[in-house]
């Protein structure tokens, strides 16, 4: 694995989960010659990615009605 220093990097991505890796992949598709540096606190890529995300859209009925969680759950399901 080659490590680039900040002077050799066009894009810095913090986090090597699904969002970070997808962002890097899209940048490479748009700008193939770009130099991307991805940093993460975890020991490997995608460490918390899909294993912790069930992909379930929650109904939100267990959140108090006036909470942001309830609001975002309702909006997300719509």
N, C-alpha and C. Protein backbone atom coordinates (compact mmCIF):
# COMPACT_ATOMS: atom_id res chain seq x y z
N UNK A 1 0.85 -1.17 0.00
CA UNK A 1 0.00 0.00 0.00
C UNK A 1 0.89 1.23 0.00
N UNK A 2 0.59 2.17 -0.87
CA UNK A 2 1.36 3.40 -0.94
C UNK A 2 0.63 4.51 -0.20
N UNK A 3 1.35 5.25 0.59
CA UNK A 3 0.77 6.36 1.32
C UNK A 3 1.24 7.66 0.70
N UNK A 4 0.30 8.56 0.48
CA UNK A 4 0.64 9.87 -0.08
C UNK A 4 0.64 10.90 1.03
N UNK A 5 1.48 11.90 0.89
CA UNK A 5 1.40 12.97 1.88
C UNK A 5 0.41 14.01 1.39
N UNK A 6 0.07 14.95 2.25
CA UNK A 6 -1.00 15.90 1.92
C UNK A 6 -0.67 16.76 0.70
N UNK A 7 0.60 16.95 0.38
CA UNK A 7 0.97 17.76 -0.78
C UNK A 7 0.77 17.00 -2.09
N UNK A 8 0.63 15.68 -2.01
CA UNK A 8 0.45 14.86 -3.21
C UNK A 8 -0.99 14.42 -3.41
N UNK A 9 -1.91 14.96 -2.62
CA UNK A 9 -3.29 14.50 -2.62
C UNK A 9 -4.23 15.54 -3.20
N UNK A 10 -5.11 15.08 -4.08
CA UNK A 10 -6.13 15.97 -4.63
C UNK A 10 -7.38 15.97 -3.76
N UNK A 11 -7.70 14.82 -3.20
CA UNK A 11 -8.90 14.68 -2.36
C UNK A 11 -8.56 13.94 -1.08
N UNK A 12 -9.07 14.42 0.02
CA UNK A 12 -8.93 13.74 1.31
C UNK A 12 -10.31 13.29 1.75
N UNK A 13 -10.46 12.01 2.01
CA UNK A 13 -11.72 11.46 2.47
C UNK A 13 -11.48 10.90 3.87
N UNK A 14 -12.32 11.32 4.79
CA UNK A 14 -12.21 10.83 6.16
C UNK A 14 -13.29 9.79 6.37
N UNK A 15 -12.86 8.56 6.57
CA UNK A 15 -13.78 7.45 6.78
C UNK A 15 -13.77 6.48 5.62
N UNK A 16 -13.52 5.21 5.92
CA UNK A 16 -13.46 4.20 4.86
C UNK A 16 -14.65 3.24 4.94
N UNK A 17 -15.79 3.80 5.33
CA UNK A 17 -17.02 3.02 5.31
C UNK A 17 -17.66 3.10 3.93
N UNK A 18 -18.91 2.76 3.86
CA UNK A 18 -19.61 2.74 2.58
C UNK A 18 -19.60 4.11 1.91
N UNK A 19 -19.87 5.14 2.67
CA UNK A 19 -19.93 6.49 2.10
C UNK A 19 -18.55 6.94 1.61
N UNK A 20 -17.53 6.77 2.44
CA UNK A 20 -16.18 7.19 2.04
C UNK A 20 -15.66 6.45 0.82
N UNK A 21 -15.84 5.12 0.81
CA UNK A 21 -15.35 4.33 -0.32
C UNK A 21 -16.14 4.61 -1.59
N UNK A 22 -17.45 4.80 -1.46
CA UNK A 22 -18.27 5.13 -2.63
C UNK A 22 -17.90 6.50 -3.17
N UNK A 23 -17.64 7.43 -2.27
CA UNK A 23 -17.21 8.76 -2.71
C UNK A 23 -15.90 8.68 -3.48
N UNK A 24 -14.94 7.93 -2.96
CA UNK A 24 -13.66 7.76 -3.65
C UNK A 24 -13.85 7.10 -5.00
N UNK A 25 -14.69 6.09 -5.07
CA UNK A 25 -14.96 5.38 -6.32
C UNK A 25 -15.56 6.33 -7.35
N UNK A 26 -16.51 7.16 -6.91
CA UNK A 26 -17.13 8.12 -7.84
C UNK A 26 -16.14 9.17 -8.31
N UNK A 27 -15.30 9.65 -7.41
CA UNK A 27 -14.28 10.63 -7.82
C UNK A 27 -13.36 10.01 -8.87
N UNK A 28 -12.95 8.77 -8.66
CA UNK A 28 -12.06 8.11 -9.63
C UNK A 28 -12.74 7.91 -10.98
N UNK A 29 -14.04 7.68 -10.97
CA UNK A 29 -14.77 7.55 -12.24
C UNK A 29 -14.86 8.88 -12.98
N UNK A 30 -14.99 9.95 -12.23
CA UNK A 30 -15.12 11.28 -12.83
C UNK A 30 -13.74 11.86 -13.18
N UNK A 31 -12.78 11.66 -12.29
CA UNK A 31 -11.41 12.19 -12.47
C UNK A 31 -10.42 11.06 -12.25
N UNK A 32 -10.21 10.23 -13.27
CA UNK A 32 -9.38 9.03 -13.11
C UNK A 32 -7.95 9.28 -12.65
N UNK A 33 -7.39 10.43 -12.95
CA UNK A 33 -6.00 10.70 -12.57
C UNK A 33 -5.88 11.36 -11.19
N UNK A 34 -6.99 11.55 -10.52
CA UNK A 34 -6.94 12.20 -9.21
C UNK A 34 -6.28 11.30 -8.18
N UNK A 35 -5.65 11.95 -7.22
CA UNK A 35 -4.97 11.25 -6.13
C UNK A 35 -5.83 11.41 -4.88
N UNK A 36 -6.28 10.30 -4.33
CA UNK A 36 -7.21 10.31 -3.21
C UNK A 36 -6.53 9.68 -1.99
N UNK A 37 -6.65 10.35 -0.87
CA UNK A 37 -6.16 9.82 0.40
C UNK A 37 -7.37 9.58 1.29
N UNK A 38 -7.52 8.34 1.75
CA UNK A 38 -8.62 7.99 2.66
C UNK A 38 -8.00 7.66 4.01
N UNK A 39 -8.49 8.33 5.05
CA UNK A 39 -8.00 8.03 6.39
C UNK A 39 -9.16 7.56 7.26
N UNK A 40 -8.85 6.72 8.21
CA UNK A 40 -9.87 6.17 9.10
C UNK A 40 -9.23 5.79 10.42
N UNK A 41 -9.99 5.84 11.48
CA UNK A 41 -9.47 5.44 12.80
C UNK A 41 -9.46 3.93 12.97
N UNK A 42 -10.20 3.22 12.13
CA UNK A 42 -10.33 1.77 12.26
C UNK A 42 -9.18 1.05 11.56
N UNK A 43 -8.94 -0.21 11.91
CA UNK A 43 -7.82 -0.95 11.35
C UNK A 43 -8.03 -1.47 9.92
N UNK A 44 -9.25 -1.43 9.44
CA UNK A 44 -9.53 -1.96 8.10
C UNK A 44 -10.70 -1.19 7.48
N UNK A 45 -10.83 -1.26 6.16
CA UNK A 45 -11.92 -0.55 5.49
C UNK A 45 -13.26 -1.23 5.77
N UNK A 46 -14.31 -0.44 5.78
CA UNK A 46 -15.65 -0.98 5.99
C UNK A 46 -15.85 -1.66 7.32
N UNK A 47 -15.06 -1.28 8.31
CA UNK A 47 -15.06 -1.98 9.59
C UNK A 47 -16.44 -1.98 10.26
N UNK A 48 -17.14 -0.86 10.20
CA UNK A 48 -18.47 -0.78 10.80
C UNK A 48 -19.58 -0.78 9.75
N UNK A 49 -19.22 -0.85 8.51
CA UNK A 49 -20.17 -0.65 7.42
C UNK A 49 -21.43 -1.50 7.52
N UNK A 50 -21.56 -2.48 6.71
CA UNK A 50 -22.81 -3.22 6.61
C UNK A 50 -23.09 -4.12 7.81
N UNK A 51 -22.08 -4.52 8.54
CA UNK A 51 -22.29 -5.41 9.66
C UNK A 51 -23.13 -4.81 10.77
N UNK A 52 -23.14 -3.50 10.87
CA UNK A 52 -23.89 -2.84 11.94
C UNK A 52 -25.17 -2.19 11.43
N UNK A 53 -25.38 -2.18 10.15
CA UNK A 53 -26.55 -1.52 9.57
C UNK A 53 -27.48 -2.58 9.01
N UNK A 54 -28.65 -2.70 9.60
CA UNK A 54 -29.59 -3.72 9.15
C UNK A 54 -30.32 -3.31 7.88
N UNK A 55 -30.29 -2.02 7.57
CA UNK A 55 -30.99 -1.54 6.39
C UNK A 55 -32.49 -1.39 6.60
N UNK A 56 -32.94 -1.56 7.83
CA UNK A 56 -34.37 -1.49 8.14
C UNK A 56 -34.79 -0.04 8.30
N UNK A 57 -35.90 0.33 7.68
CA UNK A 57 -36.51 1.63 7.92
C UNK A 57 -37.42 1.48 9.12
N UNK A 58 -37.10 2.15 10.19
CA UNK A 58 -37.88 2.02 11.41
C UNK A 58 -39.15 2.86 11.35
N UNK A 59 -40.18 2.35 11.96
CA UNK A 59 -41.48 3.03 11.94
C UNK A 59 -41.47 4.30 12.77
N UNK A 60 -40.66 4.36 13.80
CA UNK A 60 -40.56 5.56 14.60
C UNK A 60 -41.54 5.65 15.74
N UNK A 61 -42.39 4.66 15.92
CA UNK A 61 -43.41 4.75 16.96
C UNK A 61 -42.84 4.64 18.37
N UNK A 62 -41.61 4.23 18.52
CA UNK A 62 -41.01 4.14 19.85
C UNK A 62 -40.26 5.40 20.24
N UNK A 63 -40.24 6.40 19.38
CA UNK A 63 -39.63 7.69 19.72
C UNK A 63 -40.72 8.64 20.20
N UNK A 64 -40.35 9.55 21.09
CA UNK A 64 -41.37 10.51 21.52
C UNK A 64 -41.77 11.36 20.32
N UNK A 65 -43.08 11.65 20.18
CA UNK A 65 -43.61 12.28 18.96
C UNK A 65 -42.96 13.60 18.57
N UNK A 66 -42.47 14.35 19.55
CA UNK A 66 -41.89 15.66 19.23
C UNK A 66 -40.37 15.62 19.08
N UNK A 67 -39.78 14.44 19.06
CA UNK A 67 -38.32 14.34 18.96
C UNK A 67 -37.85 14.43 17.51
N UNK A 68 -36.59 14.79 17.35
CA UNK A 68 -36.00 14.83 16.01
C UNK A 68 -35.95 13.43 15.39
N UNK A 69 -35.69 12.42 16.21
CA UNK A 69 -35.66 11.05 15.69
C UNK A 69 -36.99 10.68 15.06
N UNK A 70 -38.09 11.03 15.73
CA UNK A 70 -39.41 10.73 15.18
C UNK A 70 -39.64 11.51 13.88
N UNK A 71 -39.25 12.77 13.88
CA UNK A 71 -39.43 13.62 12.69
C UNK A 71 -38.62 13.04 11.51
N UNK A 72 -37.33 12.74 11.75
CA UNK A 72 -36.49 12.25 10.67
C UNK A 72 -36.93 10.86 10.18
N UNK A 73 -37.40 10.04 11.11
CA UNK A 73 -37.88 8.72 10.72
C UNK A 73 -39.09 8.84 9.82
N UNK A 74 -40.02 9.71 10.20
CA UNK A 74 -41.22 9.92 9.40
C UNK A 74 -40.86 10.45 8.01
N UNK A 75 -40.01 11.47 7.97
CA UNK A 75 -39.60 12.05 6.68
C UNK A 75 -38.83 11.04 5.84
N UNK A 76 -37.97 10.26 6.47
CA UNK A 76 -37.19 9.26 5.75
C UNK A 76 -38.07 8.18 5.15
N UNK A 77 -39.10 7.77 5.85
CA UNK A 77 -40.00 6.75 5.34
C UNK A 77 -40.87 7.26 4.21
N UNK A 78 -41.18 8.56 4.24
CA UNK A 78 -41.99 9.14 3.16
C UNK A 78 -41.17 9.23 1.89
